[in-house]
Amino acid sequence: MRKGVLIIGFILVLSVLPGCIVSHSPKELHQAIRVGESITFSIDVFQSQYQIKWYMDWKEIPATYGITSYTYTPTIPDIGTHWLLVVENSVATGYFPVKWIVTVKP
């Protein structure tokens, strides 16, 4: 009985939240990729308002507002370590970030 009440309470709390990131892919937050290869990063959101922004090395990536996935294909100048950040922003519940560290190899 107590477990059922907890589950119902959890569902009620989630139903009033306007949005949050509930999962992300790839799960491993450290990724390695070679120049010319592609990797797709994605999130699943719960009741999102789609106030989603993607950043590479702390700079907003153009044309990614509101989308739940981003495909990165590095070029030679990208060799090195980078930080890919996605943030789902809600006025009611705050920021929900996920940050990957991406190492680009030649």
C-alpha atoms as a PDB file:
ATOM      1  CA  MET A   1       0.000   0.000   0.000  1.00  0.00           C
ATOM      2  CA  ARG A   2       2.740   2.453   0.964  1.00  0.00           C
ATOM      3  CA  LYS A   3       4.641   1.715  -2.259  1.00  0.00           C
ATOM      4  CA  GLY A   4       1.506   2.449  -4.301  1.00  0.00           C
ATOM      5  CA  VAL A   5       1.031   5.792  -2.546  1.00  0.00           C
ATOM      6  CA  LEU A   6       4.668   6.716  -3.251  1.00  0.00           C
ATOM      7  CA  ILE A   7       4.298   5.840  -6.931  1.00  0.00           C
ATOM      8  CA  ILE A   8       1.095   7.883  -7.246  1.00  0.00           C
ATOM      9  CA  GLY A   9       2.788  10.811  -5.469  1.00  0.00           C
ATOM     10  CA  PHE A  10       5.770  10.607  -7.802  1.00  0.00           C
ATOM     11  CA  ILE A  11       3.492  10.588 -10.859  1.00  0.00           C
ATOM     12  CA  LEU A  12       1.587  13.608  -9.541  1.00  0.00           C
ATOM     13  CA  VAL A  13       4.799  15.556  -8.964  1.00  0.00           C
ATOM     14  CA  LEU A  14       6.018  14.757 -12.490  1.00  0.00           C
ATOM     15  CA  SER A  15       2.693  15.767 -13.995  1.00  0.00           C
ATOM     16  CA  VAL A  16       2.999  19.340 -12.699  1.00  0.00           C
ATOM     17  CA  LEU A  17       6.623  19.865 -13.701  1.00  0.00           C
ATOM     18  CA  PRO A  18       6.801  21.814 -16.943  1.00  0.00           C
ATOM     19  CA  GLY A  19       9.841  19.974 -18.236  1.00  0.00           C
ATOM     20  CA  CYS A  20      13.153  18.366 -17.567  1.00  0.00           C
ATOM     21  CA  ILE A  21      15.714  16.125 -19.241  1.00  0.00           C
ATOM     22  CA  VAL A  22      14.917  12.555 -18.247  1.00  0.00           C
ATOM     23  CA  SER A  23      17.586  10.758 -20.294  1.00  0.00           C
ATOM     24  CA  HIS A  24      20.433  11.435 -22.697  1.00  0.00           C
ATOM     25  CA  SER A  25      22.416   9.624 -25.350  1.00  0.00           C
ATOM     26  CA  PRO A  26      25.175   8.661 -25.505  1.00  0.00           C
ATOM     27  CA  LYS A  27      25.067   7.670 -21.844  1.00  0.00           C
ATOM     28  CA  GLU A  28      28.849   7.883 -21.481  1.00  0.00           C
ATOM     29  CA  LEU A  29      29.691  11.550 -20.870  1.00  0.00           C
ATOM     30  CA  HIS A  30      33.224  11.194 -22.276  1.00  0.00           C
ATOM     31  CA  GLN A  31      33.298  10.559 -26.029  1.00  0.00           C
ATOM     32  CA  ALA A  32      36.151  10.161 -28.519  1.00  0.00           C
ATOM     33  CA  ILE A  33      35.688  10.685 -32.235  1.00  0.00           C
ATOM     34  CA  ARG A  34      37.937  11.015 -35.273  1.00  0.00           C
ATOM     35  CA  VAL A  35      37.922  13.871 -37.768  1.00  0.00           C
ATOM     36  CA  GLY A  36      35.220  13.285 -40.381  1.00  0.00           C
ATOM     37  CA  GLU A  37      33.184  10.839 -38.278  1.00  0.00           C
ATOM     38  CA  SER A  38      29.800  11.831 -36.862  1.00  0.00           C
ATOM     39  CA  ILE A  39      28.206  11.329 -33.492  1.00  0.00           C
ATOM     40  CA  THR A  40      24.632  12.218 -32.555  1.00  0.00           C
ATOM     41  CA  PHE A  41      23.840  13.514 -29.094  1.00  0.00           C
ATOM     42  CA  SER A  42      20.238  13.529 -27.941  1.00  0.00           C
ATOM     43  CA  ILE A  43      17.987  14.043 -24.960  1.00  0.00           C
ATOM     44  CA  ASP A  44      14.535  12.909 -23.947  1.00  0.00           C
ATOM     45  CA  VAL A  45      12.496  15.486 -22.112  1.00  0.00           C
ATOM     46  CA  PHE A  46       9.413  15.273 -19.914  1.00  0.00           C
ATOM     47  CA  GLN A  47       6.681  17.721 -20.881  1.00  0.00           C
ATOM     48  CA  SER A  48       9.199  20.181 -22.213  1.00  0.00           C
ATOM     49  CA  GLN A  49       8.383  23.653 -23.374  1.00  0.00           C
ATOM     50  CA  TYR A  50      11.261  23.013 -25.813  1.00  0.00           C
ATOM     51  CA  GLN A  51      13.373  25.765 -24.298  1.00  0.00           C
ATOM     52  CA  ILE A  52      16.398  23.719 -25.250  1.00  0.00           C
ATOM     53  CA  LYS A  53      19.787  25.176 -26.196  1.00  0.00           C
ATOM     54  CA  TRP A  54      22.986  23.447 -27.324  1.00  0.00           C
ATOM     55  CA  TYR A  55      26.486  24.858 -26.699  1.00  0.00           C
ATOM     56  CA  MET A  56      29.941  23.861 -27.945  1.00  0.00           C
ATOM     57  CA  ASP A  57      32.802  25.168 -25.809  1.00  0.00           C
ATOM     58  CA  TRP A  58      30.358  27.513 -24.063  1.00  0.00           C
ATOM     59  CA  LYS A  59      29.167  29.143 -27.321  1.00  0.00           C
ATOM     60  CA  GLU A  60      25.583  28.620 -28.431  1.00  0.00           C
ATOM     61  CA  ILE A  61      25.343  26.438 -31.535  1.00  0.00           C
ATOM     62  CA  PRO A  62      23.294  28.241 -34.219  1.00  0.00           C
ATOM     63  CA  ALA A  63      19.967  26.737 -35.338  1.00  0.00           C
ATOM     64  CA  THR A  64      19.713  24.305 -32.399  1.00  0.00           C
ATOM     65  CA  TYR A  65      17.150  26.102 -30.235  1.00  0.00           C
ATOM     66  CA  GLY A  66      14.296  23.782 -29.298  1.00  0.00           C
ATOM     67  CA  ILE A  67      15.667  20.586 -30.838  1.00  0.00           C
ATOM     68  CA  THR A  68      16.375  17.416 -28.880  1.00  0.00           C
ATOM     69  CA  SER A  69      19.347  16.122 -30.862  1.00  0.00           C
ATOM     70  CA  TYR A  70      22.566  17.419 -32.357  1.00  0.00           C
ATOM     71  CA  THR A  71      24.969  15.670 -34.736  1.00  0.00           C
ATOM     72  CA  TYR A  72      28.620  16.673 -34.490  1.00  0.00           C
ATOM     73  CA  THR A  73      31.042  16.054 -37.371  1.00  0.00           C
ATOM     74  CA  PRO A  74      34.456  17.486 -36.482  1.00  0.00           C
ATOM     75  CA  THR A  75      36.974  18.817 -38.966  1.00  0.00           C
ATOM     76  CA  ILE A  76      40.764  19.175 -38.674  1.00  0.00           C
ATOM     77  CA  PRO A  77      40.616  22.484 -36.711  1.00  0.00           C
ATOM     78  CA  ASP A  78      38.444  20.681 -34.107  1.00  0.00           C
ATOM     79  CA  ILE A  79      41.240  18.292 -33.022  1.00  0.00           C
ATOM     80  CA  GLY A  80      41.444  18.430 -29.244  1.00  0.00           C
ATOM     81  CA  THR A  81      38.993  18.397 -26.343  1.00  0.00           C
ATOM     82  CA  HIS A  82      35.612  20.125 -26.441  1.00  0.00           C
ATOM     83  CA  TRP A  83      32.618  20.513 -24.162  1.00  0.00           C
ATOM     84  CA  LEU A  84      29.142  19.928 -25.578  1.00  0.00           C
ATOM     85  CA  LEU A  85      26.379  21.183 -23.334  1.00  0.00           C
ATOM     86  CA  VAL A  86      22.622  20.946 -23.729  1.00  0.00           C
ATOM     87  CA  VAL A  87      20.299  22.828 -21.379  1.00  0.00           C
ATOM     88  CA  GLU A  88      16.544  22.557 -20.973  1.00  0.00           C
ATOM     89  CA  ASN A  89      15.423  25.752 -19.260  1.00  0.00           C
ATOM     90  CA  SER A  90      12.176  26.138 -17.367  1.00  0.00           C
ATOM     91  CA  VAL A  91      11.062  29.225 -15.474  1.00  0.00           C
ATOM     92  CA  ALA A  92       9.286  27.017 -12.914  1.00  0.00           C
ATOM     93  CA  THR A  93      11.940  24.355 -12.317  1.00  0.00           C
ATOM     94  CA  GLY A  94      15.230  25.905 -13.449  1.00  0.00           C
ATOM     95  CA  TYR A  95      18.002  24.526 -15.620  1.00  0.00           C
ATOM     96  CA  PHE A  96      18.545  20.880 -16.526  1.00  0.00           C
ATOM     97  CA  PRO A  97      21.991  20.522 -18.156  1.00  0.00           C
ATOM     98  CA  VAL A  98      23.859  17.581 -19.629  1.00  0.00           C
ATOM     99  CA  LYS A  99      27.545  18.030 -20.519  1.00  0.00           C
ATOM    100  CA  TRP A 100      29.654  15.711 -22.636  1.00  0.00           C
ATOM    101  CA  ILE A 101      33.425  15.963 -23.006  1.00  0.00           C
ATOM    102  CA  VAL A 102      34.302  15.179 -26.619  1.00  0.00           C
ATOM    103  CA  THR A 103      37.863  14.411 -27.666  1.00  0.00           C
ATOM    104  CA  VAL A 104      38.498  14.797 -31.391  1.00  0.00           C
ATOM    105  CA  LYS A 105      41.376  12.722 -32.757  1.00  0.00           C
ATOM    106  CA  PRO A 106      43.106  13.015 -36.164  1.00  0.00           C
END
